[in-house]
Amino acid sequence: GEIPFAMISPYVKEIKSAAGQINIAASLKGRTQNPIVNANLTFADLKMALEHLDEEFKNLSGKIKITPQKIEIIDFRGTLDQGKFDLGGNLTLKDGIPGDFELKLNTYNLSMDIPDTMDLNFNTSLNFSGTLKELKPKESNLTGEIVLLGGQYYKDVNMNIIDAAFNKERGVAPVKKEQENSWFENIALNIHIRQRQPLSVDNNLANLIVNPDLIIQGTASNPVVTGRAQIESGTVFFQKAEFDVIKGVVDFTNPYKIEPAIEVEAATDIRTWTIFLTISGTPDDLNFELSSDPREQHADILSLIVFGKTSQEMQQASSGSSTFNPEKIISEFVTEELETTLKDATGLDKIKISQEEQDNSEFRDIHVSVGADLSRQMSVSYDINIEDGETIQRITTDYKILENLLMSGFQESDGNFGGKIKFRLEFR
């Protein structure tokens, strides 16, 4: 007869869904107290989806042979995305009670996509052995190796420019959370990860070539990665400068979760200065430290990176004006970081914050502008201007008549209103 493969889902909660039919040919004989069962289960084109995988297992085919002494998995094969795998093994039986088991899994060109984080391509050779009790593995081990065929880590990291001027304490590792009892909690891991091709890192912070040598330990429900990934070469991007990596490592030492700890030293030459950048911490909590040879203050180093001049040189170039000074440089960087953060948080298309200190005045002129594109033709902006201690609010609407011709209208909080025609030509 036939039995639906979906029957497996209630027994293994990590299986989201299963589809297909299993053909069964079986015989039952002997005494009711000690029945003798012989069966052959064959299947083809089965499907199965797991909780933590986006792709489905497809084209599952093979055979399971059941005798009074053991259960054998024979020539079980399938596909996952573009990769293939095969599985074989056996489970001993004594009076119908499961005992020792051993499974061998090989995968070829298997791909794994961790959304918004990384893509991996790898081969595996794994051995799963132990003892079953109540259909759960006891004293079981999953061992073997994973060979990376290539991959890319592309998750952007949070870069806080304030770290370049002020040291920030590294966050404390989170306390391990209690987990529900899972089928995978009793599976101990010992898997070596090596690489045939290096792993590349390509995000907003760096472009690196990394050679990992890692070990996965812990349990299947709570894996822990230990080891080190050596940075072979690459560049690090910081503001408008590109730093060449001198040395770098990525260590996995967090006992609570899979979290890389980054230590990178890089350098770049700007005129007669060599600027050194040290990056340390985790991808979500990075610390940046700048130094230079000859030695300069942080504000001057930032000024060299962004403007190619020290703050003193910029003051001299502006005839002694205080327009350019270390405090202003830091303020501009903080403002730029704030604008980016607000855009991401609000979804607005335009956020601009600026300030200007007036000579012989106790006030600073402050301008804040936010805006959004309502359609391809229409956009609206809201501006607040504080000048000489007075606040003026303005709402402006732009309507695109032609590709480069706009009609603009505004109204201010002091009662002024008006309109104009704009000709705008954008180029880069």
Protein backbone atom coordinates (compact mmCIF):
# COMPACT_ATOMS: atom_id res chain seq x y z
CA GLY A 1 0.00 0.00 0.00
CA GLU A 2 0.91 3.67 0.36
CA ILE A 3 1.31 5.94 3.39
CA PRO A 4 1.63 9.76 3.31
CA PHE A 5 5.06 11.15 4.12
CA ALA A 6 3.33 14.02 5.97
CA MET A 7 2.78 11.63 8.91
CA ILE A 8 6.37 12.32 10.03
CA SER A 9 5.69 15.98 10.86
CA PRO A 10 3.97 15.49 14.26
CA TYR A 11 6.90 13.40 15.51
CA VAL A 12 9.68 15.84 14.57
CA LYS A 13 8.64 19.45 15.30
CA GLU A 14 11.57 20.87 13.28
CA ILE A 15 9.86 19.59 10.12
CA LYS A 16 7.45 22.27 8.86
CA SER A 17 5.90 20.20 6.10
CA ALA A 18 6.32 16.97 4.17
CA ALA A 19 4.69 15.75 0.99
CA GLY A 20 4.63 12.63 -1.14
CA GLN A 21 3.76 8.96 -0.78
CA ILE A 22 5.79 6.05 0.56
CA ASN A 23 5.16 2.64 -1.01
CA ILE A 24 5.21 -0.18 1.50
CA ALA A 25 5.35 -3.96 1.11
CA ALA A 26 5.36 -5.75 4.47
CA SER A 27 4.60 -9.00 6.23
CA LEU A 28 3.66 -9.70 9.82
CA LYS A 29 3.81 -13.13 11.44
CA GLY A 30 4.57 -14.92 14.71
CA ARG A 31 3.03 -14.54 18.13
CA THR A 32 1.28 -11.38 19.27
CA GLN A 33 3.73 -11.10 22.18
CA ASN A 34 6.71 -11.23 19.80
CA PRO A 35 5.67 -10.39 16.23
CA ILE A 36 8.09 -10.72 13.34
CA VAL A 37 7.99 -7.79 10.93
CA ASN A 38 9.63 -7.63 7.51
CA ALA A 39 9.07 -4.59 5.33
CA ASN A 40 10.43 -2.66 2.39
CA LEU A 41 9.61 1.02 2.07
CA THR A 42 10.44 2.66 -1.24
CA PHE A 43 9.88 6.26 -2.18
CA ALA A 44 10.58 8.73 -4.94
CA ASP A 45 10.02 12.46 -5.43
CA LEU A 46 9.28 13.21 -1.78
CA LYS A 47 9.52 16.77 -0.41
CA MET A 48 10.32 18.12 3.07
CA ALA A 49 10.76 21.61 4.57
CA LEU A 50 12.61 22.33 7.83
CA GLU A 51 12.01 25.23 10.23
CA HIS A 52 15.35 26.97 9.76
CA LEU A 53 15.87 26.47 6.02
CA ASP A 54 14.36 28.54 3.23
CA GLU A 55 14.87 25.85 0.60
CA GLU A 56 13.00 22.54 0.51
CA PHE A 57 14.46 19.07 0.28
CA LYS A 58 13.27 17.70 -3.06
CA ASN A 59 13.55 14.59 -5.21
CA LEU A 60 13.96 12.40 -2.13
CA SER A 61 14.31 8.79 -3.18
CA GLY A 62 15.63 5.58 -1.71
CA LYS A 63 14.70 2.50 0.24
CA ILE A 64 14.28 1.52 3.88
CA LYS A 65 14.51 -2.18 4.75
CA ILE A 66 13.07 -3.41 8.05
CA THR A 67 13.85 -6.79 9.60
CA PRO A 68 13.49 -8.06 13.17
CA GLN A 69 17.19 -7.26 13.73
CA LYS A 70 17.62 -3.82 12.21
CA ILE A 71 16.40 -1.00 10.01
CA GLU A 72 18.59 -0.13 7.04
CA ILE A 73 18.60 3.04 4.95
CA ILE A 74 19.73 2.12 1.46
CA ASP A 75 20.75 4.59 -1.26
CA PHE A 76 18.76 7.54 0.12
CA ARG A 77 19.34 10.56 -2.15
CA GLY A 78 17.93 14.01 -2.74
CA THR A 79 18.55 17.62 -3.67
CA LEU A 80 18.57 20.91 -1.78
CA ASP A 81 18.54 23.91 -4.13
CA GLN A 82 21.42 23.20 -6.57
CA GLY A 83 23.21 20.73 -4.28
CA LYS A 84 22.92 16.97 -3.87
CA PHE A 85 23.27 14.57 -0.96
CA ASP A 86 23.21 10.86 -0.14
CA LEU A 87 22.51 9.11 3.13
CA GLY A 88 23.01 5.56 4.39
CA GLY A 89 23.06 3.72 7.69
CA ASN A 90 21.28 1.37 10.05
CA LEU A 91 19.48 1.09 13.39
CA THR A 92 19.68 -2.09 15.44
CA LEU A 93 16.55 -3.59 16.98
CA LYS A 94 16.09 -5.93 19.93
CA ASP A 95 12.59 -7.22 20.57
CA GLY A 96 11.32 -4.27 18.56
CA ILE A 97 13.13 -1.71 20.73
CA PRO A 98 15.58 0.68 18.97
CA GLY A 99 19.22 0.45 20.02
CA ASP A 100 22.45 1.65 18.44
CA PHE A 101 22.39 3.58 15.19
CA GLU A 102 24.86 4.94 12.66
CA LEU A 103 24.22 7.26 9.73
CA LYS A 104 26.60 8.60 7.11
CA LEU A 105 25.77 11.76 5.18
CA ASN A 106 27.64 13.18 2.19
CA THR A 107 26.72 16.41 0.43
CA TYR A 108 28.04 17.84 -2.80
CA ASN A 109 27.99 21.50 -3.83
CA LEU A 110 25.38 22.32 -1.24
CA SER A 111 24.37 25.97 -0.88
CA MET A 112 23.17 27.77 2.22
CA ASP A 113 21.70 31.26 2.19
CA ILE A 114 21.49 33.03 5.54
CA PRO A 115 19.20 35.98 4.68
CA ASP A 116 20.87 39.40 4.72
CA THR A 117 24.07 37.86 6.09
CA MET A 118 25.96 35.37 3.92
CA ASP A 119 25.92 32.79 1.15
CA LEU A 120 27.92 29.56 1.49
CA ASN A 121 28.76 26.71 -0.86
CA PHE A 122 30.25 23.52 0.60
CA ASN A 123 30.75 19.75 0.66
CA THR A 124 30.26 17.68 3.80
CA SER A 125 31.18 14.27 5.12
CA LEU A 126 29.36 13.60 8.39
CA ASN A 127 28.87 10.62 10.67
CA PHE A 128 25.96 10.46 13.13
CA SER A 129 26.04 7.66 15.71
CA GLY A 130 24.64 6.86 19.12
CA THR A 131 21.78 5.14 20.91
CA LEU A 132 18.06 5.74 20.54
CA LYS A 133 15.69 5.78 23.48
CA GLU A 134 12.05 6.77 23.11
CA LEU A 135 12.89 7.75 19.54
CA LYS A 136 15.35 10.39 20.79
CA PRO A 137 19.13 10.18 20.42
CA LYS A 138 20.98 9.55 23.71
CA GLU A 139 24.76 9.78 23.97
CA SER A 140 24.85 10.59 20.27
CA ASN A 141 27.54 12.36 18.28
CA LEU A 142 27.63 14.19 14.98
CA THR A 143 31.20 14.31 13.69
CA GLY A 144 33.00 14.90 10.41
CA GLU A 145 34.05 17.84 8.29
CA ILE A 146 32.67 20.62 6.16
CA VAL A 147 34.74 21.82 3.22
CA LEU A 148 33.98 25.36 2.06
CA LEU A 149 33.93 25.66 -1.72
CA GLY A 150 33.37 29.41 -1.55
CA GLY A 151 31.12 31.95 0.04
CA GLN A 152 30.49 35.60 0.78
CA TYR A 153 29.65 37.49 3.96
CA TYR A 154 27.80 40.64 2.91
CA LYS A 155 25.96 41.89 5.99
CA ASP A 156 26.59 45.60 6.54
CA VAL A 157 27.84 46.64 9.97
CA ASN A 158 26.98 49.66 12.10
CA MET A 159 29.77 52.23 11.87
CA ASN A 160 29.63 54.94 14.50
CA ILE A 161 32.01 57.75 13.68
CA ILE A 162 32.09 58.84 17.32
CA ASP A 163 34.18 55.75 18.03
CA ALA A 164 37.04 57.39 16.17
CA ALA A 165 37.26 60.09 18.82
CA PHE A 166 36.00 58.37 21.96
CA ASN A 167 36.76 54.85 23.17
CA LYS A 168 33.70 52.71 23.76
CA GLU A 169 33.49 49.79 26.17
CA ARG A 170 32.67 46.47 24.61
CA GLY A 171 29.27 45.09 25.50
CA VAL A 172 28.87 42.22 27.94
CA ALA A 173 28.02 38.86 26.41
CA PRO A 174 24.31 38.03 26.76
CA VAL A 175 23.13 35.47 29.26
CA LYS A 176 22.27 32.15 27.71
CA LYS A 177 18.52 31.77 27.26
CA GLU A 178 16.58 28.75 28.38
CA GLN A 179 15.37 26.69 25.43
CA GLU A 180 12.48 24.33 24.95
CA ASN A 181 13.20 20.64 25.01
CA SER A 182 14.19 19.78 21.45
CA TRP A 183 14.98 16.61 19.53
CA PHE A 184 18.36 18.18 18.68
CA GLU A 185 19.42 18.97 22.26
CA ASN A 186 20.98 15.53 22.80
CA ILE A 187 23.16 15.59 19.68
CA ALA A 188 26.76 16.52 20.53
CA LEU A 189 28.72 18.18 17.72
CA ASN A 190 32.36 17.93 16.70
CA ILE A 191 32.68 19.14 13.11
CA HIS A 192 35.80 20.59 11.53
CA ILE A 193 35.38 23.38 8.98
CA ARG A 194 38.16 23.83 6.46
CA GLN A 195 38.30 25.68 3.17
CA ARG A 196 39.10 24.78 -0.39
CA GLN A 197 38.42 28.34 -1.50
CA PRO A 198 38.61 31.34 0.88
CA LEU A 199 35.57 33.15 2.19
CA SER A 200 35.12 36.71 0.97
CA VAL A 201 33.77 39.62 3.01
CA ASP A 202 32.19 42.35 0.90
CA ASN A 203 30.13 44.95 2.76
CA ASN A 204 30.09 48.62 3.68
CA LEU A 205 33.12 48.21 5.94
CA ALA A 206 35.58 46.03 4.08
CA ASN A 207 36.54 43.90 1.14
CA LEU A 208 38.51 40.97 2.56
CA ILE A 209 39.75 37.47 1.76
CA VAL A 210 39.42 35.19 4.80
CA ASN A 211 40.78 31.67 5.44
CA PRO A 212 38.73 29.94 8.17
CA ASP A 213 39.83 27.02 10.35
CA LEU A 214 36.94 26.38 12.71
CA ILE A 215 35.32 23.68 14.83
CA ILE A 216 31.59 23.41 15.53
CA GLN A 217 30.91 22.03 19.01
CA GLY A 218 28.08 22.19 21.52
CA THR A 219 24.77 20.60 20.56
CA ALA A 220 22.66 20.65 17.42
CA SER A 221 20.13 22.93 19.14
CA ASN A 222 22.82 25.25 20.52
CA PRO A 223 25.96 25.02 18.36
CA VAL A 224 29.15 26.81 19.39
CA VAL A 225 31.84 27.78 16.90
CA THR A 226 35.46 27.97 18.04
CA GLY A 227 38.63 28.65 16.13
CA ARG A 228 40.12 31.39 14.03
CA ALA A 229 39.74 32.82 10.55
CA GLN A 230 42.85 34.51 9.22
CA ILE A 231 42.46 37.58 7.02
CA GLU A 232 44.71 36.95 4.04
CA SER A 233 44.39 40.36 2.39
CA GLY A 234 41.96 43.14 1.69
CA THR A 235 40.95 46.71 2.30
CA VAL A 236 38.90 48.52 4.93
CA PHE A 237 36.75 51.55 4.10
CA PHE A 238 36.57 54.40 6.61
CA GLN A 239 34.87 57.64 5.55
CA LYS A 240 36.65 58.76 2.36
CA ALA A 241 39.82 56.72 2.89
CA GLU A 242 40.72 53.18 1.85
CA PHE A 243 42.99 51.34 4.29
CA ASP A 244 45.14 48.36 3.33
CA VAL A 245 44.99 45.51 5.85
CA ILE A 246 48.31 44.90 7.61
CA LYS A 247 47.07 41.96 9.65
CA GLY A 248 43.76 40.68 10.87
CA VAL A 249 42.03 37.75 12.52
CA VAL A 250 38.44 36.77 13.26
CA ASP A 251 38.17 34.71 16.45
CA PHE A 252 35.12 32.73 17.55
CA THR A 253 35.19 32.62 21.35
CA ASN A 254 31.66 33.57 22.42
CA PRO A 255 30.19 30.63 24.40
CA TYR A 256 26.64 31.97 24.08
CA LYS A 257 26.18 32.35 20.34
CA ILE A 258 27.95 32.25 16.99
CA GLU A 259 29.51 35.70 16.96
CA PRO A 260 32.85 36.63 15.39
CA ALA A 261 35.29 38.86 17.28
CA ILE A 262 37.20 41.01 14.80
CA GLU A 263 40.74 42.33 15.24
CA VAL A 264 42.05 44.23 12.22
CA GLU A 265 44.97 46.60 11.75
CA ALA A 266 45.12 48.66 8.56
CA ALA A 267 46.99 51.68 7.26
CA THR A 268 46.87 54.33 4.55
CA ASP A 269 49.20 57.13 3.48
CA ILE A 270 47.92 60.72 3.31
CA ARG A 271 50.57 63.18 2.20
CA THR A 272 53.47 62.79 4.70
CA TRP A 273 51.34 61.00 7.31
CA THR A 274 50.68 57.29 7.72
CA ILE A 275 47.25 56.80 9.27
CA PHE A 276 46.63 53.59 11.23
CA LEU A 277 43.14 52.21 11.82
CA THR A 278 42.45 49.51 14.41
CA ILE A 279 39.05 47.80 14.38
CA SER A 280 38.00 45.51 17.22
CA GLY A 281 34.78 43.98 18.51
CA THR A 282 31.82 42.17 17.02
CA PRO A 283 30.04 43.14 13.77
CA ASP A 284 27.23 44.78 15.75
CA ASP A 285 29.51 46.53 18.25
CA LEU A 286 32.72 47.64 16.57
CA ASN A 287 35.33 49.92 18.12
CA PHE A 288 37.47 52.18 15.90
CA GLU A 289 40.79 53.67 16.95
CA LEU A 290 42.90 56.02 14.87
CA SER A 291 46.57 56.91 15.21
CA SER A 292 49.18 58.46 12.95
CA ASP A 293 52.87 58.77 12.23
CA PRO A 294 53.86 61.60 12.80
CA ARG A 295 51.53 61.67 15.78
CA GLU A 296 48.43 63.88 15.61
CA GLN A 297 45.27 64.39 17.66
CA HIS A 298 42.11 62.48 16.74
CA ALA A 299 40.41 65.56 15.29
CA ASP A 300 43.42 66.28 13.09
CA ILE A 301 43.54 62.66 11.90
CA LEU A 302 39.86 62.83 10.96
CA SER A 303 40.46 66.11 9.21
CA LEU A 304 43.32 64.55 7.22
CA ILE A 305 41.14 61.60 6.21
CA VAL A 306 38.19 63.73 5.08
CA PHE A 307 39.78 66.98 3.90
CA GLY A 308 43.43 66.07 3.36
CA LYS A 309 44.50 68.82 5.78
CA THR A 310 44.91 69.21 9.53
CA SER A 311 42.52 71.52 11.36
CA GLN A 312 45.35 74.04 11.83
CA GLU A 313 46.05 74.08 8.10
CA MET A 314 42.36 74.59 7.39
CA GLN A 315 42.20 77.49 9.84
CA GLN A 316 45.20 79.09 8.17
CA ALA A 317 43.64 78.57 4.75
CA SER A 318 40.52 80.39 5.95
CA SER A 319 42.55 83.42 7.14
CA GLY A 320 42.39 82.60 10.80
CA SER A 321 38.65 82.01 10.84
CA SER A 322 37.29 79.60 13.41
CA THR A 323 35.08 78.03 10.76
CA PHE A 324 37.23 74.92 10.74
CA ASN A 325 38.17 73.57 14.13
CA PRO A 326 38.30 70.12 15.77
CA GLU A 327 34.94 70.60 17.50
CA LYS A 328 33.26 71.53 14.22
CA ILE A 329 34.75 68.52 12.43
CA ILE A 330 33.49 66.13 15.11
CA SER A 331 30.11 67.90 15.08
CA GLU A 332 29.79 67.46 11.31
CA PHE A 333 30.57 63.75 11.57
CA VAL A 334 28.03 63.26 14.38
CA THR A 335 25.43 65.11 12.31
CA GLU A 336 26.14 62.96 9.25
CA GLU A 337 25.78 59.78 11.33
CA LEU A 338 22.52 61.09 12.83
CA GLU A 339 21.08 61.91 9.41
CA THR A 340 21.79 58.39 8.15
CA THR A 341 20.29 56.80 11.27
CA LEU A 342 17.12 58.92 11.04
CA LYS A 343 16.66 58.12 7.35
CA ASP A 344 16.87 54.39 8.07
CA ALA A 345 14.50 54.66 11.05
CA THR A 346 11.85 56.92 9.47
CA GLY A 347 11.99 55.99 5.79
CA LEU A 348 12.19 59.66 4.80
CA ASP A 349 13.95 60.53 1.57
CA LYS A 350 15.61 63.70 2.84
CA ILE A 351 17.00 64.66 6.26
CA LYS A 352 19.50 67.50 6.56
CA ILE A 353 20.83 69.08 9.76
CA SER A 354 23.26 72.00 9.71
CA GLN A 355 24.41 74.79 11.99
CA GLU A 356 26.52 77.93 11.62
CA GLU A 357 28.00 80.08 14.35
CA GLN A 358 27.62 83.79 13.64
CA ASP A 359 30.34 86.30 14.50
CA ASN A 360 29.58 88.66 17.42
CA SER A 361 26.42 86.76 18.26
CA GLU A 362 25.44 84.48 21.11
CA PHE A 363 23.16 82.53 18.79
CA ARG A 364 23.87 79.82 16.22
CA ASP A 365 21.93 79.52 12.99
CA ILE A 366 20.39 76.03 12.87
CA HIS A 367 18.65 74.51 9.89
CA VAL A 368 16.70 71.23 9.93
CA SER A 369 15.01 69.91 6.79
CA VAL A 370 13.02 66.69 6.31
CA GLY A 371 11.26 65.59 3.16
CA ALA A 372 9.61 62.75 1.31
CA ASP A 373 8.80 61.89 -2.29
CA LEU A 374 5.04 61.39 -2.50
CA SER A 375 5.22 60.28 -6.12
CA ARG A 376 7.49 60.55 -9.11
CA GLN A 377 6.11 64.06 -9.77
CA MET A 378 5.53 65.43 -6.27
CA SER A 379 7.69 65.88 -3.16
CA VAL A 380 7.14 67.76 0.07
CA SER A 381 9.60 69.11 2.66
CA TYR A 382 9.38 70.66 6.10
CA ASP A 383 12.09 73.11 7.21
CA ILE A 384 12.89 74.74 10.55
CA ASN A 385 15.32 77.67 10.54
CA ILE A 386 16.56 79.24 13.78
CA GLU A 387 18.27 82.53 12.99
CA ASP A 388 19.29 85.09 15.63
CA GLY A 389 17.18 83.24 18.16
CA GLU A 390 14.01 83.35 16.03
CA THR A 391 12.33 80.21 14.67
CA ILE A 392 10.75 80.10 11.23
CA GLN A 393 8.95 77.04 9.85
CA ARG A 394 8.40 76.44 6.17
CA ILE A 395 6.47 73.85 4.17
CA THR A 396 7.48 73.47 0.54
CA THR A 397 5.85 71.41 -2.22
CA ASP A 398 7.63 70.68 -5.50
CA TYR A 399 5.75 69.42 -8.55
CA LYS A 400 7.68 68.19 -11.56
CA ILE A 401 6.09 69.62 -14.71
CA LEU A 402 8.76 68.30 -17.07
CA GLU A 403 11.90 66.27 -16.50
CA ASN A 404 13.97 69.33 -15.50
CA LEU A 405 11.21 71.87 -14.84
CA LEU A 406 9.56 72.11 -11.41
CA MET A 407 6.86 74.29 -9.90
CA SER A 408 7.47 75.07 -6.25
CA GLY A 409 5.19 76.61 -3.60
CA PHE A 410 5.90 77.41 0.06
CA GLN A 411 4.28 78.80 3.17
CA GLU A 412 6.10 80.02 6.29
CA SER A 413 4.97 80.24 9.90
CA ASP A 414 5.39 84.04 9.91
CA GLY A 415 2.74 84.38 7.19
CA ASN A 416 4.96 84.62 4.12
CA PHE A 417 4.06 82.43 1.14
CA GLY A 418 4.96 82.27 -2.50
CA GLY A 419 5.95 80.18 -5.46
CA LYS A 420 8.48 79.90 -8.25
CA ILE A 421 9.49 77.91 -11.26
CA LYS A 422 12.74 75.91 -10.96
CA PHE A 423 14.97 74.56 -13.65
CA ARG A 424 17.05 71.74 -12.17
CA LEU A 425 19.78 69.77 -13.89
CA GLU A 426 21.27 66.88 -11.94
CA PHE A 427 24.67 65.51 -12.85
CA ARG A 428 27.51 63.55 -11.26
